[in-house]
Amino acid sequence: MELARTGQTSDPMILQINLARIINRYSGGAVITPWNIGDLSEEWIDVFHALAFDLPEYERGAKQVEDLFAKWRKAMKYR
């Protein structure tokens, strides 16, 4: 099985299960089933994809910037 061997899959049913899991996690409960994923618009799918993958990356970058500012403030004895 491709998933067990590589950790990736192109199987549409497994992809729908994973997307439903992501949506339910960020919605705070069971709000969608894998067989209803096709009812969502691309915009909604993009929103949940961004919450799951893009937002954590953005937050890591923002923290790095804030850490640099804090280091600079400390070096310059800025309050």
N, C-alpha and C. Protein backbone atom coordinates (compact mmCIF):
# COMPACT_ATOMS: atom_id res chain seq x y z
N MET A 1 0.84 -1.18 0.00
CA MET A 1 0.00 0.00 0.00
C MET A 1 0.89 1.24 0.00
N GLU A 2 0.57 2.15 -0.84
CA GLU A 2 1.34 3.37 -1.04
C GLU A 2 1.50 4.18 0.25
N LEU A 3 0.45 4.31 1.03
CA LEU A 3 0.48 5.09 2.27
C LEU A 3 1.46 4.49 3.28
N ALA A 4 1.42 3.20 3.45
CA ALA A 4 2.31 2.55 4.41
C ALA A 4 3.77 2.63 3.95
N ARG A 5 3.98 2.58 2.66
CA ARG A 5 5.34 2.57 2.13
C ARG A 5 5.97 3.95 2.10
N THR A 6 5.22 4.96 1.69
CA THR A 6 5.80 6.29 1.47
C THR A 6 5.30 7.36 2.44
N GLY A 7 4.20 7.09 3.14
CA GLY A 7 3.61 8.11 4.00
C GLY A 7 2.73 9.08 3.24
N GLN A 8 2.57 8.86 1.94
CA GLN A 8 1.75 9.71 1.09
C GLN A 8 0.78 8.85 0.30
N THR A 9 -0.31 9.47 -0.11
CA THR A 9 -1.29 8.73 -0.91
C THR A 9 -2.00 9.68 -1.86
N SER A 10 -2.48 9.13 -2.94
CA SER A 10 -3.31 9.89 -3.86
C SER A 10 -4.72 9.30 -3.91
N ASP A 11 -4.97 8.34 -3.02
CA ASP A 11 -6.29 7.71 -2.96
C ASP A 11 -7.32 8.75 -2.54
N PRO A 12 -8.34 9.03 -3.37
CA PRO A 12 -9.30 10.09 -3.05
C PRO A 12 -10.09 9.84 -1.76
N MET A 13 -10.38 8.61 -1.44
CA MET A 13 -11.14 8.33 -0.22
C MET A 13 -10.31 8.63 1.03
N ILE A 14 -9.06 8.26 1.02
CA ILE A 14 -8.19 8.55 2.16
C ILE A 14 -7.97 10.05 2.28
N LEU A 15 -7.83 10.73 1.16
CA LEU A 15 -7.67 12.19 1.18
C LEU A 15 -8.91 12.86 1.78
N GLN A 16 -10.10 12.35 1.44
CA GLN A 16 -11.33 12.91 2.00
C GLN A 16 -11.43 12.65 3.50
N ILE A 17 -11.01 11.48 3.93
CA ILE A 17 -11.02 11.17 5.36
C ILE A 17 -10.09 12.13 6.10
N ASN A 18 -8.90 12.34 5.56
CA ASN A 18 -7.94 13.23 6.19
C ASN A 18 -8.45 14.67 6.22
N LEU A 19 -9.04 15.12 5.14
CA LEU A 19 -9.57 16.49 5.09
C LEU A 19 -10.73 16.65 6.08
N ALA A 20 -11.60 15.65 6.19
CA ALA A 20 -12.69 15.71 7.17
C ALA A 20 -12.14 15.77 8.58
N ARG A 21 -11.07 15.02 8.84
CA ARG A 21 -10.43 15.04 10.16
C ARG A 21 -9.88 16.43 10.47
N ILE A 22 -9.24 17.06 9.51
CA ILE A 22 -8.70 18.42 9.69
C ILE A 22 -9.83 19.41 9.95
N ILE A 23 -10.88 19.35 9.15
CA ILE A 23 -12.01 20.27 9.31
C ILE A 23 -12.66 20.09 10.67
N ASN A 24 -12.87 18.86 11.07
CA ASN A 24 -13.50 18.61 12.37
C ASN A 24 -12.61 19.09 13.52
N ARG A 25 -11.31 18.91 13.39
CA ARG A 25 -10.40 19.37 14.44
C ARG A 25 -10.47 20.88 14.60
N TYR A 26 -10.44 21.63 13.50
CA TYR A 26 -10.46 23.08 13.57
C TYR A 26 -11.86 23.66 13.78
N SER A 27 -12.87 22.83 13.64
CA SER A 27 -14.24 23.27 13.90
C SER A 27 -14.66 22.98 15.33
N GLY A 28 -13.87 22.22 16.05
CA GLY A 28 -14.17 21.94 17.44
C GLY A 28 -15.12 20.78 17.66
N GLY A 29 -15.33 19.98 16.66
CA GLY A 29 -16.21 18.82 16.82
C GLY A 29 -16.51 18.19 15.49
N ALA A 30 -17.36 17.18 15.52
CA ALA A 30 -17.72 16.46 14.31
C ALA A 30 -18.76 17.26 13.53
N VAL A 31 -18.31 17.95 12.49
CA VAL A 31 -19.23 18.77 11.70
C VAL A 31 -19.37 18.29 10.26
N ILE A 32 -18.45 17.41 9.82
CA ILE A 32 -18.52 16.94 8.45
C ILE A 32 -18.02 15.50 8.38
N THR A 33 -18.57 14.77 7.46
CA THR A 33 -18.12 13.39 7.22
C THR A 33 -17.33 13.36 5.92
N PRO A 34 -16.48 12.37 5.76
CA PRO A 34 -15.68 12.31 4.54
C PRO A 34 -16.50 12.30 3.25
N TRP A 35 -17.69 11.69 3.30
CA TRP A 35 -18.49 11.62 2.08
C TRP A 35 -19.21 12.93 1.77
N ASN A 36 -19.12 13.92 2.67
CA ASN A 36 -19.70 15.24 2.40
C ASN A 36 -18.66 16.28 1.98
N ILE A 37 -17.42 15.89 1.88
CA ILE A 37 -16.36 16.82 1.51
C ILE A 37 -16.65 17.46 0.15
N GLY A 38 -17.21 16.71 -0.76
CA GLY A 38 -17.53 17.23 -2.09
C GLY A 38 -18.55 18.35 -2.07
N ASP A 39 -19.29 18.50 -0.98
CA ASP A 39 -20.28 19.57 -0.86
C ASP A 39 -19.65 20.92 -0.51
N LEU A 40 -18.40 20.91 -0.07
CA LEU A 40 -17.73 22.15 0.31
C LEU A 40 -17.17 22.86 -0.91
N SER A 41 -17.18 24.18 -0.85
CA SER A 41 -16.58 24.95 -1.95
C SER A 41 -15.06 24.95 -1.78
N GLU A 42 -14.36 25.25 -2.84
CA GLU A 42 -12.90 25.33 -2.78
C GLU A 42 -12.45 26.38 -1.78
N GLU A 43 -13.23 27.45 -1.63
CA GLU A 43 -12.87 28.50 -0.67
C GLU A 43 -12.81 27.95 0.75
N TRP A 44 -13.82 27.17 1.13
CA TRP A 44 -13.83 26.60 2.48
C TRP A 44 -12.69 25.61 2.67
N ILE A 45 -12.45 24.81 1.67
CA ILE A 45 -11.34 23.85 1.76
C ILE A 45 -10.02 24.61 1.93
N ASP A 46 -9.86 25.71 1.19
CA ASP A 46 -8.65 26.53 1.31
C ASP A 46 -8.50 27.11 2.71
N VAL A 47 -9.62 27.54 3.31
CA VAL A 47 -9.57 28.09 4.67
C VAL A 47 -9.05 27.05 5.65
N PHE A 48 -9.59 25.85 5.60
CA PHE A 48 -9.16 24.81 6.53
C PHE A 48 -7.74 24.35 6.24
N HIS A 49 -7.35 24.32 4.99
CA HIS A 49 -5.98 23.99 4.63
C HIS A 49 -5.04 25.04 5.22
N ALA A 50 -5.42 26.30 5.10
CA ALA A 50 -4.59 27.38 5.65
C ALA A 50 -4.48 27.27 7.17
N LEU A 51 -5.58 26.96 7.85
CA LEU A 51 -5.54 26.79 9.30
C LEU A 51 -4.61 25.65 9.71
N ALA A 52 -4.64 24.58 8.96
CA ALA A 52 -3.86 23.40 9.33
C ALA A 52 -2.40 23.51 8.96
N PHE A 53 -2.08 24.18 7.85
CA PHE A 53 -0.71 24.15 7.35
C PHE A 53 -0.05 25.52 7.26
N ASP A 54 -0.75 26.53 6.78
CA ASP A 54 -0.15 27.84 6.57
C ASP A 54 -0.04 28.64 7.86
N LEU A 55 -1.07 28.61 8.70
CA LEU A 55 -1.06 29.40 9.92
C LEU A 55 0.07 28.99 10.87
N PRO A 56 0.28 27.70 11.12
CA PRO A 56 1.41 27.34 12.00
C PRO A 56 2.76 27.83 11.46
N GLU A 57 2.93 27.76 10.15
CA GLU A 57 4.17 28.24 9.55
C GLU A 57 4.31 29.75 9.72
N TYR A 58 3.22 30.47 9.52
CA TYR A 58 3.22 31.92 9.73
C TYR A 58 3.55 32.25 11.19
N GLU A 59 2.94 31.52 12.12
CA GLU A 59 3.19 31.79 13.54
C GLU A 59 4.64 31.54 13.91
N ARG A 60 5.26 30.50 13.34
CA ARG A 60 6.69 30.25 13.60
C ARG A 60 7.53 31.41 13.09
N GLY A 61 7.22 31.91 11.90
CA GLY A 61 7.95 33.05 11.35
C GLY A 61 7.76 34.30 12.17
N ALA A 62 6.54 34.56 12.61
CA ALA A 62 6.26 35.74 13.43
C ALA A 62 7.00 35.65 14.76
N LYS A 63 7.10 34.46 15.32
CA LYS A 63 7.83 34.28 16.58
C LYS A 63 9.32 34.55 16.37
N GLN A 64 9.87 34.11 15.26
CA GLN A 64 11.28 34.38 14.97
C GLN A 64 11.53 35.87 14.88
N VAL A 65 10.64 36.60 14.23
CA VAL A 65 10.78 38.05 14.12
C VAL A 65 10.68 38.69 15.49
N GLU A 66 9.71 38.27 16.28
CA GLU A 66 9.55 38.84 17.62
C GLU A 66 10.75 38.53 18.50
N ASP A 67 11.31 37.33 18.36
CA ASP A 67 12.52 36.98 19.12
C ASP A 67 13.69 37.89 18.74
N LEU A 68 13.82 38.20 17.44
CA LEU A 68 14.88 39.11 17.01
C LEU A 68 14.67 40.50 17.57
N PHE A 69 13.43 40.98 17.56
CA PHE A 69 13.13 42.29 18.15
C PHE A 69 13.45 42.30 19.64
N ALA A 70 13.10 41.23 20.36
CA ALA A 70 13.38 41.16 21.79
C ALA A 70 14.88 41.17 22.05
N LYS A 71 15.63 40.46 21.22
CA LYS A 71 17.09 40.45 21.35
C LYS A 71 17.65 41.85 21.11
N TRP A 72 17.15 42.52 20.11
CA TRP A 72 17.61 43.89 19.80
C TRP A 72 17.26 44.83 20.95
N ARG A 73 16.02 44.73 21.45
CA ARG A 73 15.60 45.59 22.56
C ARG A 73 16.49 45.39 23.78
N LYS A 74 16.83 44.15 24.07
CA LYS A 74 17.68 43.85 25.21
C LYS A 74 19.08 44.42 24.99
N ALA A 75 19.62 44.24 23.80
CA ALA A 75 20.98 44.74 23.49
C ALA A 75 21.02 46.26 23.55
N MET A 76 19.94 46.92 23.18
CA MET A 76 19.90 48.39 23.17
C MET A 76 19.34 48.95 24.48
N LYS A 77 19.04 48.04 25.42
CA LYS A 77 18.46 48.42 26.71
C LYS A 77 17.19 49.25 26.52
N TYR A 78 16.40 48.80 25.55
CA TYR A 78 15.13 49.43 25.23
C TYR A 78 14.05 48.79 26.07
N ARG A 79 13.17 49.59 26.65
CA ARG A 79 12.14 49.02 27.50
C ARG A 79 11.05 48.39 26.73
